[in-house]
Amino acid sequence: MNDLEAAKQTEPSLVIIPLDATFDLFRIPSADAGRLIGPLEALSSKALRYSIDNPVSPPSKDDRQAMAACEKASGNRYVSITRTQDEISLPIDKQVGDELRENADWATESKAGLIEHEGPYGCLRVRGPMPLYLTGIAANFTKTLQTANIAVFVISTWDTDWIFVKQDKVAEAAAALAKDGWVVL
């Protein structure tokens, strides 16, 4: 058994948490993003303001049920904005996605075919923060989900990995990961 296989069952930071949130994925070609700067700035500003105004105060570690509920709700108001030379990717919680689609400028550009959208997605999050000495964490869970024929969209942050799967595949993904030795809440 290698370090990761042992850690999956013993390291509390490697617990997989299926989130109680629904997400949308958007793709905007970078060349066309200038037309959407207003909605993108509004989205970034709103997400940042929300996170500053509503800091998360997790319950004490002694209250396991409250802690699990807090962890499962950690996707609420999730926003990630990633820009490359070719695109801007936006995995966001469905409520924010609904607000974007209601924006007149955003809706007009979307109808012109510039914006690609997929959803609804669910998410499983690695509790984190993950130990940096372990290798192959993302490779391990993506291989498990590949074997189960479940497509993934993964975002890695400093603390953790966010594993987006189609909403109707969340339970199946959680079961496949549990079968592979991951602890799933």
N, C-alpha and C. Protein backbone atom coordinates (compact mmCIF):
# COMPACT_ATOMS: atom_id res chain seq x y z
N MET A 1 0.86 -1.18 0.00
CA MET A 1 0.00 0.00 0.00
C MET A 1 0.91 1.24 0.00
N ASN A 2 0.69 2.16 -0.95
CA ASN A 2 1.52 3.36 -0.98
C ASN A 2 0.99 4.41 0.00
N ASP A 3 1.72 5.53 0.11
CA ASP A 3 1.36 6.57 1.07
C ASP A 3 -0.06 7.09 0.84
N LEU A 4 -0.44 7.31 -0.41
CA LEU A 4 -1.77 7.85 -0.70
C LEU A 4 -2.86 6.86 -0.33
N GLU A 5 -2.67 5.60 -0.65
CA GLU A 5 -3.68 4.59 -0.32
C GLU A 5 -3.92 4.54 1.18
N ALA A 6 -2.87 4.61 1.96
CA ALA A 6 -3.01 4.61 3.42
C ALA A 6 -3.66 5.91 3.89
N ALA A 7 -3.24 7.02 3.30
CA ALA A 7 -3.74 8.33 3.73
C ALA A 7 -5.23 8.50 3.43
N LYS A 8 -5.72 7.87 2.36
CA LYS A 8 -7.15 8.00 2.01
C LYS A 8 -8.04 7.57 3.17
N GLN A 9 -7.57 6.64 3.98
CA GLN A 9 -8.40 6.14 5.08
C GLN A 9 -8.03 6.74 6.43
N THR A 10 -6.88 7.41 6.51
CA THR A 10 -6.44 7.90 7.82
C THR A 10 -6.28 9.41 7.90
N GLU A 11 -6.10 10.09 6.78
CA GLU A 11 -5.84 11.53 6.78
C GLU A 11 -7.16 12.29 6.72
N PRO A 12 -7.55 13.00 7.78
CA PRO A 12 -8.84 13.71 7.80
C PRO A 12 -8.99 14.74 6.69
N SER A 13 -7.88 15.29 6.21
CA SER A 13 -7.97 16.31 5.16
C SER A 13 -8.34 15.71 3.81
N LEU A 14 -8.25 14.39 3.65
CA LEU A 14 -8.56 13.76 2.37
C LEU A 14 -9.98 13.21 2.29
N VAL A 15 -10.82 13.55 3.24
CA VAL A 15 -12.22 13.13 3.19
C VAL A 15 -12.90 13.81 2.00
N ILE A 16 -13.73 13.07 1.29
CA ILE A 16 -14.49 13.61 0.15
C ILE A 16 -15.86 14.05 0.65
N ILE A 17 -16.23 15.29 0.31
CA ILE A 17 -17.48 15.87 0.78
C ILE A 17 -18.38 16.20 -0.41
N PRO A 18 -19.47 15.46 -0.63
CA PRO A 18 -20.43 15.86 -1.67
C PRO A 18 -21.16 17.13 -1.19
N LEU A 19 -21.14 18.17 -2.01
CA LEU A 19 -21.71 19.45 -1.60
C LEU A 19 -23.20 19.52 -1.85
N ASP A 20 -23.88 20.33 -1.05
CA ASP A 20 -25.33 20.53 -1.19
C ASP A 20 -25.64 21.71 -2.11
N ALA A 21 -24.84 21.92 -3.12
CA ALA A 21 -25.04 23.05 -4.02
C ALA A 21 -25.07 22.54 -5.45
N THR A 22 -25.69 23.32 -6.31
CA THR A 22 -25.74 23.02 -7.73
C THR A 22 -24.96 24.10 -8.46
N PHE A 23 -24.26 23.72 -9.52
CA PHE A 23 -23.35 24.62 -10.20
C PHE A 23 -23.65 24.68 -11.70
N ASP A 24 -23.23 25.78 -12.31
CA ASP A 24 -23.23 25.95 -13.76
C ASP A 24 -21.79 26.16 -14.19
N LEU A 25 -21.44 25.69 -15.38
CA LEU A 25 -20.13 25.94 -15.96
C LEU A 25 -20.33 26.82 -17.19
N PHE A 26 -19.54 27.88 -17.29
CA PHE A 26 -19.59 28.78 -18.44
C PHE A 26 -18.20 28.85 -19.05
N ARG A 27 -18.16 29.00 -20.38
CA ARG A 27 -16.92 29.24 -21.11
C ARG A 27 -17.13 30.44 -22.01
N ILE A 28 -16.22 31.40 -21.90
CA ILE A 28 -16.27 32.60 -22.73
C ILE A 28 -14.97 32.66 -23.51
N PRO A 29 -15.02 32.76 -24.84
CA PRO A 29 -13.75 32.93 -25.57
C PRO A 29 -13.08 34.23 -25.13
N SER A 30 -11.77 34.18 -24.85
CA SER A 30 -11.05 35.36 -24.38
C SER A 30 -11.19 36.54 -25.33
N ALA A 31 -11.19 36.28 -26.62
CA ALA A 31 -11.28 37.37 -27.60
C ALA A 31 -12.60 38.13 -27.48
N ASP A 32 -13.63 37.49 -26.97
CA ASP A 32 -14.94 38.12 -26.86
C ASP A 32 -15.25 38.61 -25.45
N ALA A 33 -14.33 38.38 -24.52
CA ALA A 33 -14.60 38.72 -23.12
C ALA A 33 -14.76 40.22 -22.90
N GLY A 34 -14.11 41.04 -23.73
CA GLY A 34 -14.22 42.49 -23.58
C GLY A 34 -15.65 42.98 -23.64
N ARG A 35 -16.48 42.32 -24.42
CA ARG A 35 -17.89 42.70 -24.52
C ARG A 35 -18.65 42.41 -23.23
N LEU A 36 -18.10 41.51 -22.42
CA LEU A 36 -18.79 41.09 -21.21
C LEU A 36 -18.11 41.60 -19.95
N ILE A 37 -17.25 42.59 -20.10
CA ILE A 37 -16.49 43.06 -18.94
C ILE A 37 -17.41 43.54 -17.82
N GLY A 38 -18.50 44.20 -18.15
CA GLY A 38 -19.44 44.67 -17.12
C GLY A 38 -19.98 43.54 -16.28
N PRO A 39 -20.61 42.54 -16.92
CA PRO A 39 -21.12 41.42 -16.12
C PRO A 39 -20.02 40.65 -15.37
N LEU A 40 -18.83 40.51 -16.00
CA LEU A 40 -17.74 39.81 -15.31
C LEU A 40 -17.25 40.59 -14.10
N GLU A 41 -17.13 41.91 -14.24
CA GLU A 41 -16.73 42.74 -13.09
C GLU A 41 -17.78 42.67 -12.00
N ALA A 42 -19.05 42.71 -12.39
CA ALA A 42 -20.13 42.64 -11.40
C ALA A 42 -20.08 41.30 -10.67
N LEU A 43 -19.86 40.22 -11.42
CA LEU A 43 -19.77 38.89 -10.82
C LEU A 43 -18.62 38.82 -9.82
N SER A 44 -17.43 39.26 -10.24
CA SER A 44 -16.27 39.22 -9.36
C SER A 44 -16.49 40.06 -8.12
N SER A 45 -17.01 41.26 -8.33
CA SER A 45 -17.25 42.18 -7.21
C SER A 45 -18.27 41.60 -6.24
N LYS A 46 -19.36 41.06 -6.79
CA LYS A 46 -20.42 40.49 -5.94
C LYS A 46 -19.88 39.31 -5.14
N ALA A 47 -19.12 38.42 -5.79
CA ALA A 47 -18.60 37.24 -5.11
C ALA A 47 -17.63 37.64 -4.00
N LEU A 48 -16.74 38.58 -4.30
CA LEU A 48 -15.78 39.03 -3.30
C LEU A 48 -16.48 39.72 -2.15
N ARG A 49 -17.43 40.60 -2.47
CA ARG A 49 -18.17 41.32 -1.43
C ARG A 49 -18.94 40.34 -0.56
N TYR A 50 -19.57 39.36 -1.17
CA TYR A 50 -20.33 38.37 -0.42
C TYR A 50 -19.42 37.61 0.55
N SER A 51 -18.24 37.19 0.05
CA SER A 51 -17.36 36.40 0.91
C SER A 51 -16.78 37.23 2.05
N ILE A 52 -16.57 38.52 1.82
CA ILE A 52 -16.05 39.38 2.88
C ILE A 52 -17.15 39.71 3.89
N ASP A 53 -18.35 40.00 3.40
CA ASP A 53 -19.46 40.37 4.27
C ASP A 53 -20.04 39.19 5.04
N ASN A 54 -19.84 37.98 4.54
CA ASN A 54 -20.42 36.78 5.16
C ASN A 54 -19.34 35.75 5.45
N PRO A 55 -18.42 36.07 6.34
CA PRO A 55 -17.36 35.11 6.63
C PRO A 55 -17.95 33.83 7.22
N VAL A 56 -17.33 32.73 6.87
CA VAL A 56 -17.79 31.44 7.38
C VAL A 56 -17.12 31.19 8.71
N SER A 57 -17.92 30.95 9.72
CA SER A 57 -17.41 30.57 11.03
C SER A 57 -17.82 29.13 11.27
N PRO A 58 -16.93 28.18 10.98
CA PRO A 58 -17.31 26.79 11.15
C PRO A 58 -17.61 26.47 12.60
N PRO A 59 -18.53 25.56 12.83
CA PRO A 59 -18.83 25.13 14.19
C PRO A 59 -17.61 24.43 14.80
N SER A 60 -17.67 24.21 16.07
CA SER A 60 -16.55 23.54 16.74
C SER A 60 -16.41 22.13 16.17
N LYS A 61 -15.19 21.63 16.20
CA LYS A 61 -14.92 20.29 15.67
C LYS A 61 -15.59 19.21 16.49
N ASP A 62 -16.03 19.56 17.71
CA ASP A 62 -16.71 18.59 18.56
C ASP A 62 -18.13 18.32 18.07
N ASP A 63 -18.73 19.29 17.38
CA ASP A 63 -20.09 19.14 16.87
C ASP A 63 -20.02 18.60 15.44
N ARG A 64 -19.88 17.29 15.32
CA ARG A 64 -19.63 16.66 14.02
C ARG A 64 -20.78 16.87 13.03
N GLN A 65 -22.02 16.83 13.49
CA GLN A 65 -23.15 17.02 12.57
C GLN A 65 -23.16 18.44 12.01
N ALA A 66 -22.94 19.43 12.87
CA ALA A 66 -22.92 20.82 12.41
C ALA A 66 -21.73 21.04 11.48
N MET A 67 -20.59 20.43 11.78
CA MET A 67 -19.41 20.56 10.94
C MET A 67 -19.66 19.95 9.57
N ALA A 68 -20.29 18.78 9.52
CA ALA A 68 -20.59 18.14 8.24
C ALA A 68 -21.56 18.99 7.43
N ALA A 69 -22.58 19.55 8.08
CA ALA A 69 -23.53 20.42 7.36
C ALA A 69 -22.83 21.65 6.81
N CYS A 70 -21.93 22.24 7.59
CA CYS A 70 -21.17 23.41 7.15
C CYS A 70 -20.30 23.04 5.94
N GLU A 71 -19.63 21.90 6.00
CA GLU A 71 -18.77 21.47 4.90
C GLU A 71 -19.57 21.19 3.64
N LYS A 72 -20.75 20.57 3.80
CA LYS A 72 -21.57 20.26 2.64
C LYS A 72 -22.15 21.53 1.99
N ALA A 73 -22.25 22.61 2.77
CA ALA A 73 -22.76 23.88 2.24
C ALA A 73 -21.65 24.78 1.71
N SER A 74 -20.40 24.29 1.71
CA SER A 74 -19.27 25.15 1.35
C SER A 74 -19.27 25.59 -0.11
N GLY A 75 -20.11 25.03 -0.94
CA GLY A 75 -20.17 25.45 -2.34
C GLY A 75 -21.08 26.63 -2.58
N ASN A 76 -21.87 27.02 -1.57
CA ASN A 76 -22.77 28.15 -1.75
C ASN A 76 -21.97 29.40 -2.06
N ARG A 77 -22.34 30.07 -3.12
CA ARG A 77 -21.68 31.29 -3.60
C ARG A 77 -20.26 31.03 -4.09
N TYR A 78 -19.99 29.80 -4.54
CA TYR A 78 -18.70 29.45 -5.12
C TYR A 78 -18.56 30.15 -6.47
N VAL A 79 -17.42 30.77 -6.69
CA VAL A 79 -17.09 31.38 -7.98
C VAL A 79 -15.61 31.15 -8.22
N SER A 80 -15.27 30.67 -9.39
CA SER A 80 -13.87 30.59 -9.80
C SER A 80 -13.79 31.19 -11.19
N ILE A 81 -12.88 32.13 -11.37
CA ILE A 81 -12.69 32.76 -12.68
C ILE A 81 -11.26 32.45 -13.11
N THR A 82 -11.13 31.68 -14.19
CA THR A 82 -9.83 31.30 -14.70
C THR A 82 -9.73 31.77 -16.14
N ARG A 83 -8.68 32.56 -16.43
CA ARG A 83 -8.50 33.08 -17.77
C ARG A 83 -7.22 32.52 -18.37
N THR A 84 -7.32 32.06 -19.60
CA THR A 84 -6.15 31.67 -20.37
C THR A 84 -6.15 32.53 -21.64
N GLN A 85 -5.21 32.28 -22.51
CA GLN A 85 -5.15 33.02 -23.77
C GLN A 85 -6.42 32.78 -24.60
N ASP A 86 -7.01 31.61 -24.47
CA ASP A 86 -8.13 31.23 -25.31
C ASP A 86 -9.51 31.37 -24.68
N GLU A 87 -9.58 31.36 -23.37
CA GLU A 87 -10.90 31.31 -22.75
C GLU A 87 -10.91 31.86 -21.34
N ILE A 88 -12.12 32.09 -20.87
CA ILE A 88 -12.39 32.34 -19.46
C ILE A 88 -13.36 31.24 -19.05
N SER A 89 -12.98 30.48 -18.02
CA SER A 89 -13.85 29.43 -17.49
C SER A 89 -14.46 29.92 -16.19
N LEU A 90 -15.76 29.73 -16.04
CA LEU A 90 -16.48 30.16 -14.85
C LEU A 90 -17.31 29.01 -14.28
N PRO A 91 -16.81 28.23 -13.36
CA PRO A 91 -17.69 27.34 -12.61
C PRO A 91 -18.25 28.15 -11.44
N ILE A 92 -19.55 28.24 -11.35
CA ILE A 92 -20.19 29.07 -10.33
C ILE A 92 -21.42 28.38 -9.79
N ASP A 93 -21.82 28.76 -8.57
CA ASP A 93 -23.03 28.15 -8.04
C ASP A 93 -24.23 28.60 -8.87
N LYS A 94 -25.23 27.75 -8.93
CA LYS A 94 -26.38 27.96 -9.83
C LYS A 94 -27.09 29.28 -9.58
N GLN A 95 -27.18 29.71 -8.33
CA GLN A 95 -27.86 30.97 -8.03
C GLN A 95 -27.16 32.14 -8.73
N VAL A 96 -25.83 32.17 -8.68
CA VAL A 96 -25.09 33.22 -9.37
C VAL A 96 -25.24 33.05 -10.88
N GLY A 97 -25.21 31.80 -11.36
CA GLY A 97 -25.42 31.53 -12.79
C GLY A 97 -26.77 32.03 -13.26
N ASP A 98 -27.81 31.81 -12.46
CA ASP A 98 -29.14 32.31 -12.81
C ASP A 98 -29.14 33.83 -12.90
N GLU A 99 -28.43 34.50 -11.97
CA GLU A 99 -28.35 35.96 -12.00
C GLU A 99 -27.63 36.43 -13.27
N LEU A 100 -26.59 35.71 -13.67
CA LEU A 100 -25.88 36.07 -14.90
C LEU A 100 -26.79 35.96 -16.12
N ARG A 101 -27.53 34.87 -16.19
CA ARG A 101 -28.41 34.66 -17.35
C ARG A 101 -29.54 35.69 -17.39
N GLU A 102 -29.89 36.26 -16.25
CA GLU A 102 -30.93 37.29 -16.22
C GLU A 102 -30.40 38.65 -16.65
N ASN A 103 -29.08 38.83 -16.66
CA ASN A 103 -28.46 40.09 -17.08
C ASN A 103 -28.66 40.26 -18.58
N ALA A 104 -29.22 41.39 -18.99
CA ALA A 104 -29.57 41.61 -20.40
C ALA A 104 -28.35 41.50 -21.32
N ASP A 105 -27.23 42.14 -20.97
CA ASP A 105 -26.04 42.08 -21.83
C ASP A 105 -25.51 40.66 -21.94
N TRP A 106 -25.47 39.98 -20.81
CA TRP A 106 -24.98 38.60 -20.79
C TRP A 106 -25.87 37.72 -21.65
N ALA A 107 -27.19 37.86 -21.50
CA ALA A 107 -28.14 37.04 -22.26
C ALA A 107 -28.00 37.30 -23.75
N THR A 108 -27.82 38.56 -24.16
CA THR A 108 -27.67 38.90 -25.58
C THR A 108 -26.43 38.24 -26.15
N GLU A 109 -25.32 38.34 -25.43
CA GLU A 109 -24.08 37.73 -25.92
C GLU A 109 -24.22 36.20 -25.97
N SER A 110 -24.89 35.64 -24.99
CA SER A 110 -25.08 34.21 -24.95
C SER A 110 -25.88 33.75 -26.16
N LYS A 111 -26.93 34.49 -26.51
CA LYS A 111 -27.75 34.13 -27.66
C LYS A 111 -26.96 34.24 -28.96
N ALA A 112 -25.92 35.10 -28.98
CA ALA A 112 -25.09 35.24 -30.17
C ALA A 112 -24.11 34.07 -30.29
N GLY A 113 -24.11 33.18 -29.32
CA GLY A 113 -23.28 31.99 -29.40
C GLY A 113 -21.87 32.16 -28.87
N LEU A 114 -21.59 33.26 -28.19
CA LEU A 114 -20.24 33.48 -27.69
C LEU A 114 -19.98 32.72 -26.40
N ILE A 115 -21.01 32.50 -25.62
CA ILE A 115 -20.86 31.86 -24.32
C ILE A 115 -21.36 30.42 -24.41
N GLU A 116 -20.55 29.51 -23.90
CA GLU A 116 -20.99 28.13 -23.79
C GLU A 116 -21.39 27.89 -22.34
N HIS A 117 -22.42 27.10 -22.14
CA HIS A 117 -22.94 26.84 -20.80
C HIS A 117 -23.25 25.36 -20.66
N GLU A 118 -22.90 24.81 -19.52
CA GLU A 118 -23.28 23.44 -19.17
C GLU A 118 -23.78 23.41 -17.75
N GLY A 119 -24.75 22.61 -17.50
CA GLY A 119 -25.25 22.45 -16.15
C GLY A 119 -26.52 21.64 -16.17
N PRO A 120 -27.01 21.26 -15.07
CA PRO A 120 -26.47 21.51 -13.74
C PRO A 120 -25.37 20.51 -13.38
N TYR A 121 -24.43 20.97 -12.58
CA TYR A 121 -23.35 20.15 -12.06
C TYR A 121 -23.46 20.07 -10.55
N GLY A 122 -22.96 18.97 -10.02
CA GLY A 122 -22.78 18.84 -8.60
C GLY A 122 -21.29 18.87 -8.33
N CYS A 123 -20.92 18.82 -7.07
CA CYS A 123 -19.50 18.91 -6.75
C CYS A 123 -19.17 18.06 -5.53
N LEU A 124 -18.04 17.43 -5.60
CA LEU A 124 -17.46 16.74 -4.45
C LEU A 124 -16.15 17.48 -4.15
N ARG A 125 -15.95 17.81 -2.90
CA ARG A 125 -14.77 18.57 -2.51
C ARG A 125 -13.90 17.73 -1.59
N VAL A 126 -12.60 17.78 -1.82
CA VAL A 126 -11.68 17.16 -0.87
C VAL A 126 -11.60 18.13 0.31
N ARG A 127 -11.77 17.63 1.53
CA ARG A 127 -11.85 18.50 2.71
C ARG A 127 -10.67 19.47 2.76
N GLY A 128 -9.45 18.98 2.64
CA GLY A 128 -8.27 19.83 2.68
C GLY A 128 -8.06 20.46 4.04
N PRO A 129 -7.04 21.27 4.22
CA PRO A 129 -5.96 21.42 3.26
C PRO A 129 -5.17 20.12 3.12
N MET A 130 -4.78 19.84 1.89
CA MET A 130 -4.14 18.56 1.60
C MET A 130 -2.65 18.61 1.93
N PRO A 131 -2.12 17.51 2.47
CA PRO A 131 -0.69 17.45 2.76
C PRO A 131 0.11 17.52 1.46
N LEU A 132 1.09 18.40 1.41
CA LEU A 132 1.84 18.60 0.18
C LEU A 132 2.84 17.48 -0.12
N TYR A 133 3.10 16.62 0.85
CA TYR A 133 4.04 15.53 0.59
C TYR A 133 3.38 14.39 -0.19
N LEU A 134 2.05 14.33 -0.21
CA LEU A 134 1.37 13.27 -0.94
C LEU A 134 1.34 13.60 -2.43
N THR A 135 1.50 12.59 -3.26
CA THR A 135 1.45 12.80 -4.70
C THR A 135 0.31 11.98 -5.30
N GLY A 136 -0.22 12.47 -6.39
CA GLY A 136 -1.21 11.71 -7.15
C GLY A 136 -2.63 11.77 -6.62
N ILE A 137 -2.96 12.76 -5.79
CA ILE A 137 -4.31 12.83 -5.23
C ILE A 137 -5.34 13.01 -6.35
N ALA A 138 -5.17 14.05 -7.17
CA ALA A 138 -6.12 14.29 -8.26
C ALA A 138 -6.09 13.15 -9.28
N ALA A 139 -4.91 12.63 -9.57
CA ALA A 139 -4.80 11.51 -10.51
C ALA A 139 -5.58 10.31 -9.99
N ASN A 140 -5.52 10.07 -8.67
CA ASN A 140 -6.20 8.93 -8.08
C ASN A 140 -7.71 9.05 -8.20
N PHE A 141 -8.26 10.20 -7.78
CA PHE A 141 -9.73 10.27 -7.83
C PHE A 141 -10.25 10.40 -9.26
N THR A 142 -9.48 11.04 -10.15
CA THR A 142 -9.97 11.12 -11.54
C THR A 142 -9.90 9.75 -12.22
N LYS A 143 -8.89 8.95 -11.91
CA LYS A 143 -8.80 7.60 -12.47
C LYS A 143 -9.98 6.75 -11.99
N THR A 144 -10.31 6.88 -10.71
CA THR A 144 -11.45 6.15 -10.17
C THR A 144 -12.73 6.55 -10.90
N LEU A 145 -12.92 7.84 -11.11
CA LEU A 145 -14.14 8.30 -11.78
C LEU A 145 -14.13 7.97 -13.27
N GLN A 146 -12.95 7.94 -13.89
CA GLN A 146 -12.85 7.50 -15.27
C GLN A 146 -13.30 6.04 -15.40
N THR A 147 -12.84 5.21 -14.48
CA THR A 147 -13.22 3.80 -14.49
C THR A 147 -14.73 3.65 -14.34
N ALA A 148 -15.35 4.54 -13.58
CA ALA A 148 -16.81 4.53 -13.39
C ALA A 148 -17.54 5.25 -14.53
N ASN A 149 -16.79 5.71 -15.54
CA ASN A 149 -17.34 6.40 -16.69
C ASN A 149 -18.06 7.71 -16.31
N ILE A 150 -17.44 8.46 -15.39
CA ILE A 150 -18.00 9.73 -14.93
C ILE A 150 -17.02 10.84 -15.32
N ALA A 151 -17.49 11.74 -16.19
CA ALA A 151 -16.66 12.86 -16.63
C ALA A 151 -16.50 13.86 -15.49
N VAL A 152 -15.33 14.49 -15.41
CA VAL A 152 -15.05 15.45 -14.34
C VAL A 152 -14.52 16.76 -14.91
N PHE A 153 -14.74 17.81 -14.14
CA PHE A 153 -14.15 19.14 -14.37
C PHE A 153 -13.56 19.49 -13.01
N VAL A 154 -12.24 19.55 -12.92
CA VAL A 154 -11.57 19.71 -11.62
C VAL A 154 -10.94 21.09 -11.52
N ILE A 155 -11.14 21.73 -10.39
CA ILE A 155 -10.46 22.98 -10.06
C ILE A 155 -9.64 22.71 -8.80
N SER A 156 -8.37 23.04 -8.87
CA SER A 156 -7.51 22.90 -7.69
C SER A 156 -7.22 24.28 -7.12
N THR A 157 -7.32 24.38 -5.81
CA THR A 157 -6.95 25.61 -5.11
C THR A 157 -5.80 25.27 -4.18
N TRP A 158 -5.33 26.25 -3.46
CA TRP A 158 -4.22 26.02 -2.53
C TRP A 158 -4.58 24.92 -1.54
N ASP A 159 -5.80 24.97 -1.00
CA ASP A 159 -6.21 24.04 0.06
C ASP A 159 -6.76 22.71 -0.43
N THR A 160 -7.41 22.71 -1.59
CA THR A 160 -8.22 21.53 -1.90
C THR A 160 -8.46 21.37 -3.40
N ASP A 161 -9.19 20.32 -3.75
CA ASP A 161 -9.64 20.08 -5.12
C ASP A 161 -11.16 20.05 -5.12
N TRP A 162 -11.74 20.66 -6.14
CA TRP A 162 -13.18 20.70 -6.35
C TRP A 162 -13.46 19.83 -7.56
N ILE A 163 -14.26 18.78 -7.40
CA ILE A 163 -14.51 17.80 -8.44
C ILE A 163 -15.95 17.97 -8.93
N PHE A 164 -16.10 18.62 -10.07
CA PHE A 164 -17.44 18.86 -10.62
C PHE A 164 -17.83 17.70 -11.51
N VAL A 165 -19.04 17.18 -11.30
CA VAL A 165 -19.61 16.11 -12.12
C VAL A 165 -21.06 16.48 -12.42
N LYS A 166 -21.61 15.92 -13.48
CA LYS A 166 -23.02 16.19 -13.77
C LYS A 166 -23.85 15.90 -12.52
N GLN A 167 -24.84 16.73 -12.28
CA GLN A 167 -25.65 16.63 -11.05
C GLN A 167 -26.19 15.22 -10.83
N ASP A 168 -26.63 14.58 -11.90
CA ASP A 168 -27.22 13.25 -11.74
C ASP A 168 -26.17 12.15 -11.51
N LYS A 169 -24.89 12.51 -11.48
CA LYS A 169 -23.81 11.53 -11.26
C LYS A 169 -23.14 11.68 -9.88
N VAL A 170 -23.60 12.62 -9.06
CA VAL A 170 -22.94 12.87 -7.78
C VAL A 170 -22.96 11.63 -6.88
N ALA A 171 -24.11 11.02 -6.72
CA ALA A 171 -24.21 9.84 -5.85
C ALA A 171 -23.37 8.69 -6.39
N GLU A 172 -23.39 8.51 -7.70
CA GLU A 172 -22.59 7.45 -8.33
C GLU A 172 -21.09 7.73 -8.15
N ALA A 173 -20.69 8.99 -8.27
CA ALA A 173 -19.28 9.37 -8.08
C ALA A 173 -18.87 9.12 -6.63
N ALA A 174 -19.72 9.51 -5.69
CA ALA A 174 -19.41 9.30 -4.27
C ALA A 174 -19.27 7.81 -3.98
N ALA A 175 -20.15 6.99 -4.54
CA ALA A 175 -20.09 5.55 -4.32
C ALA A 175 -18.81 4.95 -4.92
N ALA A 176 -18.43 5.39 -6.11
CA ALA A 176 -17.21 4.88 -6.74
C ALA A 176 -15.98 5.25 -5.91
N LEU A 177 -15.94 6.48 -5.40
CA LEU A 177 -14.80 6.91 -4.59
C LEU A 177 -14.75 6.13 -3.26
N ALA A 178 -15.92 5.91 -2.65
CA ALA A 178 -15.95 5.13 -1.41
C ALA A 178 -15.46 3.71 -1.66
N LYS A 179 -15.90 3.13 -2.77
CA LYS A 179 -15.48 1.76 -3.11
C LYS A 179 -13.97 1.69 -3.33
N ASP A 180 -13.37 2.80 -3.79
CA ASP A 180 -11.94 2.84 -4.04
C ASP A 180 -11.13 3.16 -2.77
N GLY A 181 -11.80 3.30 -1.63
CA GLY A 181 -11.08 3.49 -0.38
C GLY A 181 -11.09 4.92 0.17
N TRP A 182 -11.72 5.85 -0.55
CA TRP A 182 -11.85 7.21 -0.03
C TRP A 182 -12.92 7.23 1.05
N VAL A 183 -12.74 8.05 2.06
CA VAL A 183 -13.79 8.29 3.05
C VAL A 183 -14.67 9.37 2.47
N VAL A 184 -15.97 9.08 2.35
CA VAL A 184 -16.93 10.03 1.78
C VAL A 184 -17.97 10.33 2.84
N LEU A 185 -18.18 11.63 3.12
CA LEU A 185 -19.21 12.00 4.12
C LEU A 185 -20.60 11.75 3.57
